[in-house]
Amino acid sequence: SSGINAEYGGQTSCQECPAGTVTENVGQLACVECDAGSYSISSSKCELCPAGLFSDDKAAVCSPCTAGTYTPHEGSSGCLLSPAGFYVDSEGAVDVKKCPVGFFC
């Protein structure tokens, strides 16, 4: 089945791919890394990170954007800084907020 790795001939069993790597077809000789912006949901499937989250290569999980940063797109490999006049006050933000009247940022 997919998600199993028998690296050399003559194997008596297969090894499951480590977190952040997958095999998507039967008979693969090695596991491949999930791309940046995705994570391994199983040993046989990478999935894009949802908006507000990001990942580097070979990720087992996606991380939330920190306060002050955001990403409105799924599959992000990093987060954007909130621009002048806007702010982000929570983790995992998908959008920025305008500074209200009487305040600056």
N, C-alpha and C. Protein backbone atom coordinates (compact mmCIF):
# COMPACT_ATOMS: atom_id res chain seq x y z
N SER A 1 0.84 -1.20 0.00
CA SER A 1 0.00 0.00 0.00
C SER A 1 0.88 1.24 0.00
N SER A 2 0.31 2.39 -0.34
CA SER A 2 1.09 3.63 -0.35
C SER A 2 1.43 4.02 1.08
N GLY A 3 2.45 4.88 1.24
CA GLY A 3 2.88 5.29 2.57
C GLY A 3 3.87 4.34 3.20
N ILE A 4 4.28 3.31 2.49
CA ILE A 4 5.21 2.31 3.00
C ILE A 4 6.48 2.36 2.15
N ASN A 5 7.63 2.14 2.78
CA ASN A 5 8.92 2.27 2.09
C ASN A 5 9.76 1.02 2.30
N ALA A 6 10.08 0.33 1.21
CA ALA A 6 11.05 -0.78 1.25
C ALA A 6 12.25 -0.31 0.44
N GLU A 7 13.27 0.20 1.14
CA GLU A 7 14.37 0.91 0.48
C GLU A 7 15.26 0.02 -0.37
N TYR A 8 15.48 -1.19 0.05
CA TYR A 8 16.39 -2.08 -0.67
C TYR A 8 15.68 -3.37 -1.05
N GLY A 9 16.17 -4.06 -2.07
CA GLY A 9 15.61 -5.35 -2.44
C GLY A 9 15.79 -6.37 -1.33
N GLY A 10 14.97 -7.39 -1.32
CA GLY A 10 15.08 -8.46 -0.33
C GLY A 10 14.51 -8.12 1.03
N GLN A 11 13.76 -7.05 1.11
CA GLN A 11 13.18 -6.65 2.40
C GLN A 11 12.07 -7.61 2.80
N THR A 12 11.92 -7.80 4.09
CA THR A 12 10.85 -8.64 4.59
C THR A 12 9.68 -7.80 5.09
N SER A 13 9.88 -6.49 5.16
CA SER A 13 8.79 -5.59 5.57
C SER A 13 9.08 -4.19 5.02
N CYS A 14 8.11 -3.33 5.11
CA CYS A 14 8.26 -1.95 4.67
C CYS A 14 8.19 -1.03 5.89
N GLN A 15 8.81 0.13 5.77
CA GLN A 15 8.80 1.10 6.86
C GLN A 15 7.89 2.26 6.49
N GLU A 16 7.15 2.76 7.47
CA GLU A 16 6.28 3.90 7.23
C GLU A 16 7.12 5.16 7.08
N CYS A 17 6.70 6.05 6.20
CA CYS A 17 7.41 7.31 6.00
C CYS A 17 7.34 8.15 7.27
N PRO A 18 8.45 8.82 7.62
CA PRO A 18 8.43 9.71 8.79
C PRO A 18 7.49 10.90 8.57
N ALA A 19 7.07 11.51 9.66
CA ALA A 19 6.21 12.69 9.59
C ALA A 19 6.84 13.74 8.68
N GLY A 20 6.02 14.37 7.85
CA GLY A 20 6.50 15.38 6.92
C GLY A 20 6.94 14.84 5.58
N THR A 21 6.91 13.50 5.43
CA THR A 21 7.28 12.86 4.17
C THR A 21 6.20 11.87 3.78
N VAL A 22 6.14 11.54 2.50
CA VAL A 22 5.08 10.65 2.00
C VAL A 22 5.58 9.80 0.83
N THR A 23 4.84 8.76 0.55
CA THR A 23 4.89 8.09 -0.75
C THR A 23 3.46 8.07 -1.25
N GLU A 24 3.24 8.57 -2.46
CA GLU A 24 1.89 8.69 -2.99
C GLU A 24 1.52 7.55 -3.94
N ASN A 25 2.49 6.69 -4.27
CA ASN A 25 2.23 5.57 -5.17
C ASN A 25 2.81 4.30 -4.57
N VAL A 26 2.25 3.17 -4.93
CA VAL A 26 2.79 1.90 -4.47
C VAL A 26 4.14 1.66 -5.14
N GLY A 27 5.01 0.96 -4.45
CA GLY A 27 6.30 0.57 -5.02
C GLY A 27 7.37 1.64 -5.00
N GLN A 28 7.14 2.75 -4.34
CA GLN A 28 8.18 3.79 -4.28
C GLN A 28 9.33 3.31 -3.41
N LEU A 29 10.54 3.70 -3.78
CA LEU A 29 11.74 3.28 -3.06
C LEU A 29 12.13 4.21 -1.93
N ALA A 30 11.58 5.43 -1.93
CA ALA A 30 11.93 6.39 -0.88
C ALA A 30 10.76 7.33 -0.65
N CYS A 31 10.74 7.92 0.52
CA CYS A 31 9.73 8.91 0.86
C CYS A 31 10.17 10.27 0.32
N VAL A 32 9.21 11.10 -0.05
CA VAL A 32 9.52 12.45 -0.51
C VAL A 32 8.95 13.46 0.48
N GLU A 33 9.61 14.62 0.58
CA GLU A 33 9.18 15.65 1.51
C GLU A 33 7.94 16.37 1.00
N CYS A 34 7.08 16.75 1.92
CA CYS A 34 5.98 17.64 1.57
C CYS A 34 6.59 19.01 1.27
N ASP A 35 6.05 19.70 0.29
CA ASP A 35 6.55 21.02 -0.08
C ASP A 35 6.23 22.05 1.00
N ALA A 36 6.97 23.15 0.99
CA ALA A 36 6.64 24.27 1.88
C ALA A 36 5.21 24.70 1.59
N GLY A 37 4.48 25.04 2.63
CA GLY A 37 3.08 25.41 2.47
C GLY A 37 2.13 24.24 2.58
N SER A 38 2.68 23.04 2.82
CA SER A 38 1.86 21.85 3.01
C SER A 38 2.40 21.02 4.17
N TYR A 39 1.64 20.02 4.56
CA TYR A 39 2.04 19.15 5.66
C TYR A 39 1.52 17.75 5.39
N SER A 40 2.09 16.77 6.07
CA SER A 40 1.65 15.39 5.85
C SER A 40 0.49 15.07 6.79
N ILE A 41 -0.67 14.79 6.20
CA ILE A 41 -1.82 14.40 7.01
C ILE A 41 -1.82 12.89 7.26
N SER A 42 -0.99 12.18 6.48
CA SER A 42 -0.78 10.75 6.67
C SER A 42 0.54 10.43 5.98
N SER A 43 0.95 9.17 6.01
CA SER A 43 2.21 8.80 5.36
C SER A 43 2.07 8.71 3.85
N SER A 44 0.85 8.97 3.34
CA SER A 44 0.65 8.89 1.89
C SER A 44 0.03 10.14 1.28
N LYS A 45 -0.14 11.23 2.08
CA LYS A 45 -0.78 12.41 1.51
C LYS A 45 -0.30 13.70 2.17
N CYS A 46 0.12 14.66 1.32
CA CYS A 46 0.40 16.02 1.77
C CYS A 46 -0.83 16.86 1.48
N GLU A 47 -1.11 17.81 2.35
CA GLU A 47 -2.25 18.70 2.15
C GLU A 47 -1.80 20.13 2.40
N LEU A 48 -2.39 21.09 1.68
CA LEU A 48 -2.03 22.50 1.84
C LEU A 48 -2.42 23.00 3.22
N CYS A 49 -1.58 23.87 3.78
CA CYS A 49 -1.93 24.53 5.05
C CYS A 49 -3.10 25.47 4.79
N PRO A 50 -4.05 25.55 5.72
CA PRO A 50 -5.15 26.50 5.54
C PRO A 50 -4.68 27.95 5.71
N ALA A 51 -5.48 28.90 5.25
CA ALA A 51 -5.18 30.31 5.43
C ALA A 51 -4.95 30.59 6.92
N GLY A 52 -4.01 31.46 7.22
CA GLY A 52 -3.66 31.78 8.61
C GLY A 52 -2.56 30.91 9.17
N LEU A 53 -2.21 29.83 8.44
CA LEU A 53 -1.16 28.91 8.86
C LEU A 53 -0.13 28.78 7.75
N PHE A 54 1.08 28.36 8.11
CA PHE A 54 2.17 28.20 7.14
C PHE A 54 3.02 27.01 7.53
N SER A 55 3.90 26.60 6.60
CA SER A 55 4.87 25.54 6.92
C SER A 55 6.10 25.67 6.06
N ASP A 56 7.20 25.12 6.55
CA ASP A 56 8.43 24.96 5.79
C ASP A 56 8.37 23.60 5.08
N ASP A 57 9.43 23.26 4.35
CA ASP A 57 9.53 21.93 3.75
C ASP A 57 9.46 20.86 4.85
N LYS A 58 8.99 19.69 4.49
CA LYS A 58 9.02 18.50 5.36
C LYS A 58 8.26 18.70 6.67
N ALA A 59 7.12 19.37 6.60
CA ALA A 59 6.36 19.67 7.81
C ALA A 59 5.36 18.57 8.13
N ALA A 60 5.24 18.26 9.40
CA ALA A 60 4.22 17.33 9.86
C ALA A 60 2.96 18.09 10.28
N VAL A 61 3.13 19.37 10.61
CA VAL A 61 2.01 20.23 11.00
C VAL A 61 2.24 21.63 10.43
N CYS A 62 1.19 22.41 10.34
CA CYS A 62 1.30 23.81 9.96
C CYS A 62 1.33 24.65 11.24
N SER A 63 2.01 25.78 11.18
CA SER A 63 2.11 26.68 12.33
C SER A 63 1.28 27.94 12.08
N PRO A 64 0.68 28.49 13.14
CA PRO A 64 -0.09 29.72 12.95
C PRO A 64 0.83 30.93 12.74
N CYS A 65 0.39 31.87 11.93
CA CYS A 65 1.09 33.14 11.82
C CYS A 65 1.03 33.81 13.19
N THR A 66 2.11 34.47 13.58
CA THR A 66 2.15 35.13 14.88
C THR A 66 1.42 36.46 14.80
N ALA A 67 1.07 37.02 15.96
CA ALA A 67 0.45 38.34 16.01
C ALA A 67 1.35 39.32 15.26
N GLY A 68 0.75 40.22 14.48
CA GLY A 68 1.51 41.15 13.66
C GLY A 68 1.74 40.66 12.25
N THR A 69 1.38 39.39 12.00
CA THR A 69 1.53 38.79 10.67
C THR A 69 0.25 38.06 10.31
N TYR A 70 0.08 37.76 9.01
CA TYR A 70 -1.12 37.09 8.53
C TYR A 70 -0.84 36.43 7.18
N THR A 71 -1.71 35.55 6.75
CA THR A 71 -1.69 35.04 5.39
C THR A 71 -3.11 34.70 4.97
N PRO A 72 -3.61 35.34 3.91
CA PRO A 72 -4.98 35.10 3.47
C PRO A 72 -5.12 33.88 2.56
N HIS A 73 -3.99 33.26 2.20
CA HIS A 73 -4.02 32.18 1.22
C HIS A 73 -3.70 30.83 1.85
N GLU A 74 -4.30 29.77 1.33
CA GLU A 74 -3.88 28.43 1.74
C GLU A 74 -2.58 28.09 1.03
N GLY A 75 -1.80 27.19 1.61
CA GLY A 75 -0.55 26.76 0.99
C GLY A 75 0.59 27.74 1.16
N SER A 76 0.58 28.53 2.22
CA SER A 76 1.62 29.55 2.44
C SER A 76 2.86 28.96 3.09
N SER A 77 4.02 29.43 2.62
CA SER A 77 5.29 29.01 3.22
C SER A 77 5.80 30.06 4.20
N GLY A 78 5.05 31.14 4.39
CA GLY A 78 5.41 32.18 5.35
C GLY A 78 4.24 33.13 5.51
N CYS A 79 4.41 34.08 6.42
CA CYS A 79 3.34 35.04 6.73
C CYS A 79 3.78 36.45 6.31
N LEU A 80 2.80 37.29 6.05
CA LEU A 80 3.04 38.67 5.65
C LEU A 80 2.97 39.58 6.87
N LEU A 81 3.81 40.63 6.89
CA LEU A 81 3.73 41.63 7.96
C LEU A 81 2.52 42.52 7.72
N SER A 82 1.85 42.91 8.79
CA SER A 82 0.73 43.84 8.61
C SER A 82 1.30 45.18 8.14
N PRO A 83 0.67 45.79 7.13
CA PRO A 83 1.18 47.05 6.58
C PRO A 83 0.90 48.23 7.53
N ALA A 84 1.56 49.35 7.26
CA ALA A 84 1.35 50.56 8.06
C ALA A 84 -0.13 50.94 8.04
N GLY A 85 -0.65 51.35 9.18
CA GLY A 85 -2.06 51.73 9.28
C GLY A 85 -2.98 50.57 9.60
N PHE A 86 -2.42 49.37 9.68
CA PHE A 86 -3.19 48.17 9.98
C PHE A 86 -2.51 47.39 11.09
N TYR A 87 -3.23 46.47 11.71
CA TYR A 87 -2.65 45.65 12.77
C TYR A 87 -3.26 44.25 12.75
N VAL A 88 -2.56 43.32 13.41
CA VAL A 88 -3.03 41.95 13.59
C VAL A 88 -2.78 41.62 15.06
N ASP A 89 -3.84 41.40 15.82
CA ASP A 89 -3.70 41.22 17.27
C ASP A 89 -3.84 39.77 17.74
N SER A 90 -3.88 38.83 16.81
CA SER A 90 -4.03 37.43 17.23
C SER A 90 -3.21 36.51 16.33
N GLU A 91 -2.99 35.29 16.79
CA GLU A 91 -2.30 34.27 15.99
C GLU A 91 -3.25 33.68 14.95
N GLY A 92 -2.68 33.19 13.85
CA GLY A 92 -3.47 32.48 12.84
C GLY A 92 -4.39 33.40 12.04
N ALA A 93 -4.04 34.67 11.92
CA ALA A 93 -4.90 35.64 11.23
C ALA A 93 -4.88 35.43 9.72
N VAL A 94 -6.02 35.66 9.09
CA VAL A 94 -6.14 35.57 7.64
C VAL A 94 -6.30 36.96 7.02
N ASP A 95 -6.43 38.00 7.86
CA ASP A 95 -6.62 39.35 7.37
C ASP A 95 -6.10 40.35 8.41
N VAL A 96 -5.97 41.61 7.99
CA VAL A 96 -5.53 42.68 8.88
C VAL A 96 -6.73 43.53 9.29
N LYS A 97 -6.56 44.31 10.35
CA LYS A 97 -7.60 45.23 10.81
C LYS A 97 -7.08 46.65 10.66
N LYS A 98 -7.96 47.58 10.30
CA LYS A 98 -7.58 49.00 10.19
C LYS A 98 -7.50 49.59 11.58
N CYS A 99 -6.49 50.45 11.78
CA CYS A 99 -6.42 51.17 13.05
C CYS A 99 -7.61 52.12 13.13
N PRO A 100 -8.31 52.12 14.27
CA PRO A 100 -9.51 52.96 14.38
C PRO A 100 -9.18 54.45 14.52
N VAL A 101 -10.20 55.26 14.36
CA VAL A 101 -10.07 56.71 14.54
C VAL A 101 -9.55 56.99 15.95
N GLY A 102 -8.57 57.88 16.07
CA GLY A 102 -8.02 58.23 17.37
C GLY A 102 -6.81 57.37 17.73
N PHE A 103 -6.44 56.41 16.87
CA PHE A 103 -5.31 55.53 17.12
C PHE A 103 -4.40 55.52 15.88
N PHE A 104 -3.14 55.14 16.08
CA PHE A 104 -2.24 54.97 14.94
C PHE A 104 -1.48 53.68 15.12
N CYS A 105 -1.00 53.14 14.01
CA CYS A 105 -0.21 51.92 14.06
C CYS A 105 0.61 51.79 12.79
